[in-house]
Amino acid sequence: MKYLLAFDQGTTSSRCILFQKNKPVVTYSLPHEQIYPMNGWVEHNPVEIYNNQIKCAAEVMSQLKISSNDIAAIGITNQRETTIVWDKNTGKPIHNAIVWQCRRTAEFCDQLKNDGLSDVVREKTGLPIDSYFSATKVKWILDNIPGARDRAKRGELLFGTIDTWLIWNLTKGKTFATDYTNASRTMLYNIHTLQWDKELLDLFDIPECMLPKVYPSCYIYGETTVFGSAIPIAGVAGDQQSALFGQLCFGMGDAKNTYGTGAFLLMNTGLVACRSKSGLITTIACSANGEVNYALEGSVFIAGSLVQWLRDDLKMIPTAQASERIAEKVSDTGGVYLVPAFVGLGAPHWDPYARGTIVGLTRSCKREHLVRAALEAIALQSNDVIQQMQADSNIRISTLRVDGGASANNLLMQIQADISNLRVDRPSCIETTAMGASYLAGLTVGYYKNVNEISDKWELDNSFRPQVTIEWRKNLISGWRKAIERSKGWETDIEQ
């Protein structure tokens, strides 16, 4: 039986996973450099990302001793919003990739909001005006790289999110395309008409000729011969929509949270593009039946990377896995709250000027309290999104399916269940982002007959249920809200 090859290009690493049916068989990953040119700026090297992705794919095939003839299809899932502009003829990027976390265009976004454009942008794209999304990143490159805008107007430059960059290189420039889910994250795509929006392109002064064609997530984007014989690239989705699909959240109200570098909670709203009244995102979800499905989404910028910070920068824990053991040594945080607003706050607060804050410290505070406060911060940020999502949709989330590296932390998952007062279900395979991409590719080429064939494959590893009192929950969340307020607007307050 043939395999499905999933490219999972994330914020901190590139990975490839070989799947046979719904089982991951071999995994390999390589980290890539995180570039911080200035405070709040984040960049990646696009060439390094592509090369690492190819190395990972070659490695997993080598480990299993298979060739390209044994691969039925490739599915691609990727960090979204991250922006690359490259030369159409040479294939060389004209600047580093500007990462979704980067806040360099925050002031321009403020200007747009002050000009009264928030409603127009949200109505068309489902997105708030924020430097998180691709549009202002493309504009920044065209504004700041000498001659770039003129070259773009002449059709010499191309823009793409990471999926487009990978597809273009894998097909040796033959396919310049993206899918609905990634296009919906650019702040340039009308999610209702399914077209690049001319009014928005004019607003950001971005030539339409530099934009890729947009197709469904289940679609044959082309073939790659990089690994030998031709392999179809048959499924593409932004990482969070891919995880929603991989968690089999096909019904209205089905929800998942991916605990990766950030934490991303999505709820399927079916054919309805539910507009949030409180800062959540309306986005396009994956579909295998040709219909366009929508989702509500809330993004927490710092989640798993908070644990990395404790490990790598503060040297407070030896490994990410040790955070669970260390935090379990205390029953609570001793009143300490950690707000990890290192690059601002995402949904539902949307404050690019917020900064990280630790409050409630006393002389009795120990390392264990801070580590537990970090885990609680991940769950509390996610809970902010869950509460707003339920309020906006009038749908009660009773079960949250979870995935991503940090979901392996049992204490964190129990804290999430306690804080949010819902059941948290973790599947046996938490590689659901890559699995979603493999499902999409497999459905396209007939590796799977239909979604019913994969729906019975979801296997439960552990279920976490609330174990605390209403009073405990109320007090913890009340303190968190006070801590959040302390962090808001910090950057502007300091400047003044």
Protein backbone atom coordinates (compact mmCIF):
# COMPACT_ATOMS: atom_id res chain seq x y z
CA MET A 1 0.00 0.00 0.00
CA LYS A 2 1.23 3.46 -0.88
CA TYR A 3 1.94 6.30 1.55
CA LEU A 4 0.83 9.89 1.90
CA LEU A 5 3.56 12.47 2.50
CA ALA A 6 2.65 15.48 4.63
CA PHE A 7 4.75 18.63 4.63
CA ASP A 8 4.18 20.43 7.93
CA GLN A 9 5.99 23.76 7.71
CA GLY A 10 5.71 25.43 11.11
CA THR A 11 6.95 28.58 12.80
CA THR A 12 10.03 27.05 14.39
CA SER A 13 10.64 23.92 12.32
CA SER A 14 9.94 22.08 9.09
CA ARG A 15 8.66 18.53 9.35
CA CYS A 16 7.66 15.71 7.08
CA ILE A 17 5.49 12.80 8.12
CA LEU A 18 4.73 9.67 6.13
CA PHE A 19 1.24 8.34 6.74
CA GLN A 20 -0.16 4.96 5.84
CA LYS A 21 -3.90 5.44 6.04
CA ASN A 22 -4.33 7.40 9.27
CA LYS A 23 -1.16 6.17 10.98
CA PRO A 24 2.04 8.25 11.09
CA VAL A 25 4.86 5.90 10.14
CA VAL A 26 8.00 8.04 10.05
CA THR A 27 8.60 11.64 11.14
CA TYR A 28 11.59 13.91 10.68
CA SER A 29 12.06 17.58 11.44
CA LEU A 30 14.64 20.34 11.21
CA PRO A 31 14.57 23.69 13.01
CA HIS A 32 15.13 26.95 11.17
CA GLU A 33 16.63 30.19 12.35
CA GLN A 34 14.45 32.75 14.12
CA ILE A 35 15.61 36.20 13.04
CA TYR A 36 14.85 39.24 15.21
CA PRO A 37 16.14 42.38 13.44
CA MET A 38 14.43 44.74 15.90
CA ASN A 39 12.19 44.61 18.94
CA GLY A 40 8.89 43.01 17.89
CA TRP A 41 10.19 42.05 14.42
CA VAL A 42 10.39 38.38 13.39
CA GLU A 43 11.76 36.96 10.13
CA HIS A 44 12.65 33.62 8.52
CA ASN A 45 14.93 32.67 5.65
CA PRO A 46 12.62 31.29 2.88
CA VAL A 47 15.44 29.40 1.17
CA GLU A 48 16.36 27.66 4.43
CA ILE A 49 12.72 26.70 4.93
CA TYR A 50 12.39 25.13 1.47
CA ASN A 51 15.73 23.33 1.71
CA ASN A 52 14.87 21.95 5.14
CA GLN A 53 11.50 20.74 3.90
CA ILE A 54 13.17 18.85 1.05
CA LYS A 55 15.77 17.36 3.43
CA CYS A 56 13.02 16.19 5.77
CA ALA A 57 11.09 14.52 2.95
CA ALA A 58 14.20 12.80 1.64
CA GLU A 59 15.04 11.60 5.15
CA VAL A 60 11.67 9.99 5.90
CA MET A 61 11.70 8.19 2.56
CA SER A 62 15.26 7.05 3.20
CA GLN A 63 14.41 5.76 6.67
CA LEU A 64 11.57 3.67 5.27
CA LYS A 65 13.62 2.71 2.20
CA ILE A 66 10.94 3.82 -0.25
CA SER A 67 11.01 5.92 -3.41
CA SER A 68 8.75 8.54 -4.94
CA ASN A 69 6.88 5.71 -6.67
CA ASP A 70 5.57 4.67 -3.25
CA ILE A 71 4.02 8.10 -2.53
CA ALA A 72 0.37 8.48 -3.57
CA ALA A 73 0.26 12.23 -2.97
CA ILE A 74 1.73 15.14 -1.03
CA GLY A 75 -0.29 17.31 1.33
CA ILE A 76 1.04 20.67 2.51
CA THR A 77 0.14 22.51 5.68
CA ASN A 78 1.90 25.64 6.79
CA GLN A 79 2.30 28.54 9.17
CA ARG A 80 -0.17 31.09 7.87
CA GLU A 81 0.14 34.84 7.18
CA THR A 82 3.95 34.64 6.94
CA THR A 83 4.81 36.63 3.83
CA ILE A 84 7.37 36.07 1.08
CA VAL A 85 7.99 38.22 -2.01
CA TRP A 86 10.33 36.77 -4.63
CA ASP A 87 11.65 37.40 -8.13
CA LYS A 88 9.53 35.59 -10.72
CA ASN A 89 12.52 34.93 -12.98
CA THR A 90 15.31 34.06 -10.56
CA GLY A 91 13.18 32.56 -7.79
CA LYS A 92 15.16 34.51 -5.19
CA PRO A 93 13.32 36.25 -2.34
CA ILE A 94 13.87 40.00 -2.26
CA HIS A 95 13.64 40.02 1.55
CA ASN A 96 13.42 37.56 4.39
CA ALA A 97 9.98 36.12 5.07
CA ILE A 98 8.08 38.39 7.47
CA VAL A 99 6.58 36.07 10.07
CA TRP A 100 3.00 36.18 11.31
CA GLN A 101 4.28 37.19 14.76
CA CYS A 102 6.02 40.30 13.43
CA ARG A 103 4.59 43.62 14.67
CA ARG A 104 6.53 46.05 12.45
CA THR A 105 3.38 47.33 10.74
CA ALA A 106 1.36 47.95 13.92
CA GLU A 107 1.45 51.74 13.56
CA PHE A 108 0.19 51.59 9.98
CA CYS A 109 -2.64 49.34 11.13
CA ASP A 110 -3.52 51.95 13.76
CA GLN A 111 -3.67 54.55 11.00
CA LEU A 112 -6.07 52.42 8.97
CA LYS A 113 -8.30 51.94 12.01
CA ASN A 114 -8.23 55.66 12.74
CA ASP A 115 -9.28 56.27 9.13
CA GLY A 116 -12.44 54.24 9.82
CA LEU A 117 -11.59 51.24 7.63
CA SER A 118 -12.11 48.48 10.21
CA ASP A 119 -15.68 47.63 9.19
CA VAL A 120 -14.85 47.53 5.48
CA VAL A 121 -11.93 45.16 6.00
CA ARG A 122 -13.80 42.91 8.44
CA GLU A 123 -16.90 42.70 6.23
CA LYS A 124 -14.86 41.55 3.23
CA THR A 125 -12.22 39.39 4.88
CA GLY A 126 -13.62 38.38 8.27
CA LEU A 127 -10.45 39.79 9.83
CA PRO A 128 -9.68 42.73 12.09
CA ILE A 129 -7.05 45.16 10.87
CA ASP A 130 -3.87 43.84 12.45
CA SER A 131 -0.21 43.44 11.57
CA TYR A 132 -0.70 39.69 12.13
CA PHE A 133 -2.06 39.30 8.60
CA SER A 134 -0.20 39.39 5.29
CA ALA A 135 -1.46 42.57 3.60
CA THR A 136 0.55 45.12 5.56
CA LYS A 137 3.61 42.85 5.44
CA VAL A 138 3.49 42.82 1.62
CA LYS A 139 3.04 46.60 1.61
CA TRP A 140 6.03 47.02 3.93
CA ILE A 141 8.27 45.02 1.58
CA LEU A 142 7.10 46.97 -1.46
CA ASP A 143 7.58 50.25 0.42
CA ASN A 144 11.00 49.47 1.87
CA ILE A 145 12.90 47.44 -0.73
CA PRO A 146 14.22 49.85 -3.40
CA GLY A 147 12.36 49.48 -6.69
CA ALA A 148 10.13 46.68 -5.41
CA ARG A 149 6.75 48.26 -6.13
CA ASP A 150 7.70 49.20 -9.70
CA ARG A 151 9.02 45.70 -10.28
CA ALA A 152 5.79 44.25 -8.85
CA LYS A 153 3.69 46.39 -11.18
CA ARG A 154 5.74 45.12 -14.13
CA GLY A 155 4.91 41.54 -13.10
CA GLU A 156 8.45 40.70 -12.02
CA LEU A 157 7.65 39.89 -8.38
CA LEU A 158 5.42 37.27 -6.80
CA PHE A 159 3.83 37.19 -3.34
CA GLY A 160 2.87 34.10 -1.46
CA THR A 161 2.36 32.59 1.93
CA ILE A 162 4.58 29.62 2.79
CA ASP A 163 2.37 27.11 0.96
CA THR A 164 2.64 29.08 -2.28
CA TRP A 165 6.41 29.34 -1.89
CA LEU A 166 6.72 25.57 -1.40
CA ILE A 167 4.38 24.72 -4.29
CA TRP A 168 6.17 27.11 -6.65
CA ASN A 169 9.56 25.58 -5.83
CA LEU A 170 8.35 21.98 -5.80
CA THR A 171 6.84 22.43 -9.28
CA LYS A 172 9.89 24.40 -10.49
CA GLY A 173 7.81 27.52 -11.05
CA LYS A 174 5.02 25.84 -13.00
CA THR A 175 2.32 26.35 -10.34
CA PHE A 176 1.72 29.67 -8.61
CA ALA A 177 -1.22 29.01 -6.34
CA THR A 178 -2.65 28.92 -2.84
CA ASP A 179 -5.81 27.53 -1.28
CA TYR A 180 -8.91 29.19 0.17
CA THR A 181 -7.75 28.82 3.77
CA ASN A 182 -4.40 30.53 3.28
CA ALA A 183 -5.86 33.22 1.02
CA SER A 184 -8.39 34.03 3.73
CA ARG A 185 -5.52 35.00 6.05
CA THR A 186 -3.97 37.66 3.83
CA MET A 187 -6.49 40.48 4.52
CA LEU A 188 -6.71 40.82 0.73
CA TYR A 189 -9.20 38.04 -0.06
CA ASN A 190 -12.97 38.41 -0.03
CA ILE A 191 -14.20 35.30 1.78
CA HIS A 192 -17.74 35.74 0.42
CA THR A 193 -16.99 36.24 -3.29
CA LEU A 194 -13.87 34.01 -3.17
CA GLN A 195 -11.82 36.58 -5.07
CA TRP A 196 -8.90 38.89 -4.45
CA ASP A 197 -10.61 42.15 -3.54
CA LYS A 198 -9.75 45.10 -5.78
CA GLU A 199 -10.71 47.71 -3.18
CA LEU A 200 -8.33 46.16 -0.65
CA LEU A 201 -5.54 45.78 -3.21
CA ASP A 202 -5.89 49.49 -3.98
CA LEU A 203 -5.91 50.32 -0.27
CA PHE A 204 -2.56 48.57 0.27
CA ASP A 205 -1.21 49.48 -3.18
CA ILE A 206 -0.52 45.85 -4.09
CA PRO A 207 -0.62 44.87 -7.80
CA GLU A 208 -2.96 41.95 -8.45
CA CYS A 209 -0.49 40.42 -10.91
CA MET A 210 1.75 39.38 -8.00
CA LEU A 211 -0.98 37.30 -6.33
CA PRO A 212 -1.42 33.53 -6.76
CA LYS A 213 -4.47 31.73 -8.09
CA VAL A 214 -6.74 30.36 -5.39
CA TYR A 215 -8.18 26.82 -5.31
CA PRO A 216 -9.99 24.52 -2.84
CA SER A 217 -7.93 22.65 -0.25
CA CYS A 218 -8.72 19.35 -2.01
CA TYR A 219 -7.21 19.99 -5.43
CA ILE A 220 -4.32 18.79 -7.59
CA TYR A 221 -1.97 21.77 -7.57
CA GLY A 222 0.58 20.16 -9.82
CA GLU A 223 3.29 17.53 -9.64
CA THR A 224 6.78 17.53 -8.25
CA THR A 225 9.70 15.54 -9.63
CA VAL A 226 12.15 16.75 -6.99
CA PHE A 227 12.24 13.28 -5.42
CA GLY A 228 12.28 11.29 -8.69
CA SER A 229 9.08 10.28 -10.47
CA ALA A 230 6.14 12.68 -10.41
CA ILE A 231 4.12 12.98 -7.20
CA PRO A 232 0.86 14.98 -7.19
CA ILE A 233 0.54 17.84 -4.72
CA ALA A 234 -3.09 17.20 -3.88
CA GLY A 235 -3.97 18.91 -0.61
CA VAL A 236 -3.14 22.33 0.85
CA ALA A 237 -4.38 24.09 3.98
CA GLY A 238 -3.19 26.57 6.56
CA ASP A 239 -2.04 24.76 9.66
CA GLN A 240 -5.01 25.54 11.90
CA GLN A 241 -7.66 24.69 9.32
CA SER A 242 -5.72 21.53 8.56
CA ALA A 243 -5.76 20.61 12.25
CA LEU A 244 -9.52 21.24 12.39
CA PHE A 245 -9.92 18.83 9.47
CA GLY A 246 -7.47 16.36 11.00
CA GLN A 247 -9.51 16.36 14.21
CA LEU A 248 -12.56 15.43 12.10
CA CYS A 249 -14.40 18.57 13.22
CA PHE A 250 -16.75 18.47 10.24
CA GLY A 251 -19.97 19.52 12.02
CA MET A 252 -21.24 22.90 13.12
CA GLY A 253 -20.01 23.59 16.66
CA ASP A 254 -17.11 21.11 16.53
CA ALA A 255 -14.03 22.78 18.01
CA LYS A 256 -10.33 22.13 18.47
CA ASN A 257 -7.33 23.87 20.03
CA THR A 258 -3.82 23.41 18.70
CA TYR A 259 -1.10 24.10 21.25
CA GLY A 260 1.94 24.91 19.16
CA THR A 261 4.14 28.00 19.15
CA GLY A 262 0.85 29.81 19.65
CA ALA A 263 -2.53 28.37 20.56
CA PHE A 264 -5.22 28.40 17.91
CA LEU A 265 -8.83 27.57 18.62
CA LEU A 266 -11.22 27.03 15.74
CA MET A 267 -14.91 26.16 15.71
CA ASN A 268 -16.64 24.95 12.57
CA THR A 269 -19.67 27.13 11.73
CA GLY A 270 -20.64 25.22 8.57
CA LEU A 271 -21.91 27.25 5.63
CA VAL A 272 -22.45 30.30 7.84
CA ALA A 273 -19.75 32.98 7.99
CA CYS A 274 -20.44 34.00 11.58
CA ARG A 275 -19.26 37.55 12.28
CA SER A 276 -17.75 38.09 15.70
CA LYS A 277 -18.75 41.08 17.80
CA SER A 278 -15.71 40.72 20.02
CA GLY A 279 -12.57 40.47 17.97
CA LEU A 280 -12.58 36.85 16.83
CA ILE A 281 -11.81 35.98 13.24
CA THR A 282 -14.18 34.64 10.61
CA THR A 283 -12.15 32.43 8.33
CA ILE A 284 -12.54 29.76 5.66
CA ALA A 285 -12.32 26.13 6.81
CA CYS A 286 -11.35 23.04 4.82
CA SER A 287 -13.98 21.06 2.99
CA ALA A 288 -13.80 17.89 0.96
CA ASN A 289 -17.18 18.16 -0.74
CA GLY A 290 -16.67 21.26 -2.87
CA GLU A 291 -18.64 23.52 -0.52
CA VAL A 292 -16.99 26.42 1.27
CA ASN A 293 -17.19 26.00 5.03
CA TYR A 294 -16.38 28.69 7.56
CA ALA A 295 -14.99 28.80 11.08
CA LEU A 296 -14.62 31.17 13.99
CA GLU A 297 -11.04 31.44 15.18
CA GLY A 298 -9.16 32.93 18.07
CA SER A 299 -5.38 33.15 18.04
CA VAL A 300 -3.14 33.16 21.10
CA PHE A 301 0.28 34.36 19.97
CA ILE A 302 2.38 32.79 22.74
CA ALA A 303 1.68 29.26 24.02
CA GLY A 304 4.27 26.52 23.52
CA SER A 305 6.90 29.19 22.93
CA LEU A 306 6.29 30.35 26.52
CA VAL A 307 7.58 26.98 27.73
CA GLN A 308 10.53 27.30 25.32
CA TRP A 309 11.28 30.70 26.86
CA LEU A 310 11.36 29.16 30.34
CA ARG A 311 13.70 26.47 29.04
CA ASP A 312 16.04 28.31 26.67
CA ASP A 313 16.21 31.87 27.95
CA LEU A 314 15.47 31.70 31.67
CA LYS A 315 17.01 28.22 32.09
CA MET A 316 14.18 27.54 34.56
CA ILE A 317 13.40 24.05 33.26
CA PRO A 318 15.72 21.50 31.60
CA THR A 319 13.20 20.33 28.99
CA ALA A 320 9.72 21.32 27.85
CA GLN A 321 8.40 18.01 29.17
CA ALA A 322 9.79 18.81 32.63
CA SER A 323 7.37 21.73 32.97
CA GLU A 324 4.62 19.30 33.96
CA ARG A 325 6.66 17.59 36.66
CA ILE A 326 7.94 20.86 38.11
CA ALA A 327 4.55 22.61 38.09
CA GLU A 328 2.92 19.64 39.85
CA LYS A 329 5.11 20.25 42.90
CA VAL A 330 2.81 23.11 43.92
CA SER A 331 -0.99 23.06 44.11
CA ASP A 332 -1.36 26.60 42.76
CA THR A 333 0.71 29.58 41.63
CA GLY A 334 0.67 31.34 44.98
CA GLY A 335 -1.24 34.19 43.41
CA VAL A 336 1.25 34.73 40.57
CA TYR A 337 0.00 35.49 37.04
CA LEU A 338 2.20 35.51 33.95
CA VAL A 339 0.83 37.34 30.89
CA PRO A 340 3.06 36.31 27.94
CA ALA A 341 2.31 39.31 25.70
CA PHE A 342 5.80 39.22 24.20
CA VAL A 343 4.54 40.35 20.78
CA GLY A 344 1.26 41.88 21.91
CA LEU A 345 -2.06 40.19 22.59
CA GLY A 346 -4.14 38.32 20.03
CA ALA A 347 -7.85 37.49 20.20
CA PRO A 348 -10.03 38.72 21.74
CA HIS A 349 -7.91 41.63 23.02
CA TRP A 350 -5.95 42.61 19.86
CA ASP A 351 -3.46 44.90 21.54
CA PRO A 352 -0.12 45.04 19.66
CA TYR A 353 1.30 47.32 22.37
CA ALA A 354 0.75 44.93 25.27
CA ARG A 355 3.91 43.39 26.69
CA GLY A 356 4.74 40.47 28.94
CA THR A 357 3.93 40.92 32.61
CA ILE A 358 4.41 38.95 35.82
CA VAL A 359 2.25 40.13 38.72
CA GLY A 360 1.42 38.89 42.20
CA LEU A 361 5.02 38.11 43.19
CA THR A 362 5.84 37.67 46.88
CA ARG A 363 9.00 36.58 48.67
CA SER A 364 7.62 33.04 48.92
CA CYS A 365 7.39 32.66 45.14
CA LYS A 366 9.51 29.81 43.80
CA ARG A 367 10.43 28.43 40.40
CA GLU A 368 7.56 25.96 40.62
CA HIS A 369 5.02 28.76 41.00
CA LEU A 370 6.30 30.55 37.89
CA VAL A 371 6.29 27.37 35.82
CA ARG A 372 2.72 26.60 36.90
CA ALA A 373 1.74 30.21 36.17
CA ALA A 374 3.09 29.74 32.64
CA LEU A 375 0.92 26.65 32.08
CA GLU A 376 -2.10 28.44 33.53
CA ALA A 377 -1.42 31.40 31.22
CA ILE A 378 -1.68 29.15 28.16
CA ALA A 379 -5.02 27.76 29.38
CA LEU A 380 -6.35 31.18 30.49
CA GLN A 381 -5.57 32.76 27.12
CA SER A 382 -7.35 29.89 25.39
CA ASN A 383 -10.30 30.27 27.74
CA ASP A 384 -10.64 33.94 26.79
CA VAL A 385 -11.15 32.78 23.22
CA ILE A 386 -13.55 29.96 24.16
CA GLN A 387 -15.80 32.31 26.13
CA GLN A 388 -15.95 34.87 23.33
CA MET A 389 -16.53 32.18 20.72
CA GLN A 390 -19.54 30.83 22.57
CA ALA A 391 -20.95 34.34 23.07
CA ASP A 392 -20.57 35.27 19.40
CA SER A 393 -22.01 32.07 17.96
CA ASN A 394 -24.60 31.20 20.61
CA ILE A 395 -23.16 27.69 20.47
CA ARG A 396 -22.05 25.95 23.66
CA ILE A 397 -18.78 24.07 23.27
CA SER A 398 -19.05 20.95 25.41
CA THR A 399 -15.95 19.16 24.16
CA LEU A 400 -12.66 20.57 22.98
CA ARG A 401 -10.41 18.37 20.87
CA VAL A 402 -6.74 19.18 21.38
CA ASP A 403 -3.49 18.61 19.55
CA GLY A 404 -0.03 20.08 19.11
CA GLY A 405 3.11 19.44 21.13
CA ALA A 406 1.96 21.04 24.39
CA SER A 407 -1.22 18.96 24.44
CA ALA A 408 0.95 16.05 25.62
CA ASN A 409 1.20 17.88 28.96
CA ASN A 410 -1.45 16.21 31.12
CA LEU A 411 -1.38 18.95 33.74
CA LEU A 412 -1.95 21.65 31.14
CA MET A 413 -4.89 19.72 29.69
CA GLN A 414 -6.43 19.26 33.14
CA ILE A 415 -5.96 22.97 33.87
CA GLN A 416 -7.71 23.75 30.58
CA ALA A 417 -10.67 21.53 31.47
CA ASP A 418 -10.87 23.10 34.94
CA ILE A 419 -10.68 26.71 33.77
CA SER A 420 -13.00 26.35 30.78
CA ASN A 421 -15.45 23.94 32.44
CA LEU A 422 -15.57 21.55 29.50
CA ARG A 423 -14.29 18.14 28.47
CA VAL A 424 -10.90 18.09 26.79
CA ASP A 425 -10.28 15.14 24.47
CA ARG A 426 -6.81 14.31 23.21
CA PRO A 427 -6.46 11.85 20.32
CA SER A 428 -3.96 9.02 20.20
CA CYS A 429 -2.18 10.80 17.38
CA ILE A 430 -1.61 14.48 18.16
CA GLU A 431 -0.05 15.09 14.73
CA THR A 432 -3.45 16.22 13.53
CA THR A 433 -2.15 19.23 11.58
CA ALA A 434 -0.10 17.01 9.30
CA MET A 435 -2.81 14.36 9.35
CA GLY A 436 -5.32 16.90 8.06
CA ALA A 437 -3.06 17.66 5.10
CA SER A 438 -2.68 13.95 4.40
CA TYR A 439 -6.46 13.47 4.56
CA LEU A 440 -7.01 16.31 2.06
CA ALA A 441 -4.43 14.92 -0.34
CA GLY A 442 -5.70 11.36 0.08
CA LEU A 443 -9.32 12.34 -0.63
CA THR A 444 -8.26 14.22 -3.78
CA VAL A 445 -6.43 11.27 -5.37
CA GLY A 446 -8.85 8.55 -4.21
CA TYR A 447 -6.57 7.13 -1.53
CA TYR A 448 -9.65 7.58 0.68
CA LYS A 449 -13.08 7.08 -0.90
CA ASN A 450 -14.84 9.72 1.21
CA VAL A 451 -14.82 11.39 4.64
CA ASN A 452 -16.80 8.51 6.11
CA GLU A 453 -13.77 6.30 5.60
CA ILE A 454 -11.66 8.54 7.82
CA SER A 455 -14.34 9.53 10.33
CA ASP A 456 -14.12 6.23 12.20
CA LYS A 457 -10.35 6.49 12.53
CA TRP A 458 -10.23 9.08 15.33
CA GLU A 459 -8.91 7.37 18.46
CA LEU A 460 -9.09 8.80 21.99
CA ASP A 461 -5.94 8.82 24.09
CA ASN A 462 -7.22 10.64 27.18
CA SER A 463 -10.20 12.70 28.29
CA PHE A 464 -9.90 15.44 30.91
CA ARG A 465 -12.95 16.64 32.83
CA PRO A 466 -13.40 19.60 35.22
CA GLN A 467 -12.44 18.85 38.82
CA VAL A 468 -12.66 22.26 40.53
CA THR A 469 -15.31 24.36 42.22
CA ILE A 470 -17.14 27.26 40.62
CA GLU A 471 -15.57 29.58 43.20
CA TRP A 472 -12.04 28.46 42.32
CA ARG A 473 -12.70 29.07 38.63
CA LYS A 474 -14.28 32.46 39.25
CA ASN A 475 -11.40 33.70 41.43
CA LEU A 476 -8.69 32.52 39.05
CA ILE A 477 -10.30 34.16 36.02
CA SER A 478 -10.93 37.38 37.96
CA GLY A 479 -7.24 37.65 38.82
CA TRP A 480 -6.29 36.90 35.24
CA ARG A 481 -8.41 39.76 33.95
CA LYS A 482 -6.65 42.16 36.31
CA ALA A 483 -3.27 40.90 35.11
CA ILE A 484 -4.27 41.30 31.45
CA GLU A 485 -5.23 44.93 32.07
CA ARG A 486 -1.78 45.59 33.57
CA SER A 487 -0.10 44.39 30.37
CA LYS A 488 -2.22 46.33 27.87
CA GLY A 489 -0.78 49.40 26.18
CA TRP A 490 2.58 48.95 27.89
CA GLU A 491 4.68 49.92 24.87
CA THR A 492 2.79 53.18 24.29
CA ASP A 493 2.79 54.00 28.00
CA ILE A 494 6.56 53.66 28.16
CA GLU A 495 7.04 55.84 25.06
CA GLN A 496 4.99 58.58 26.64
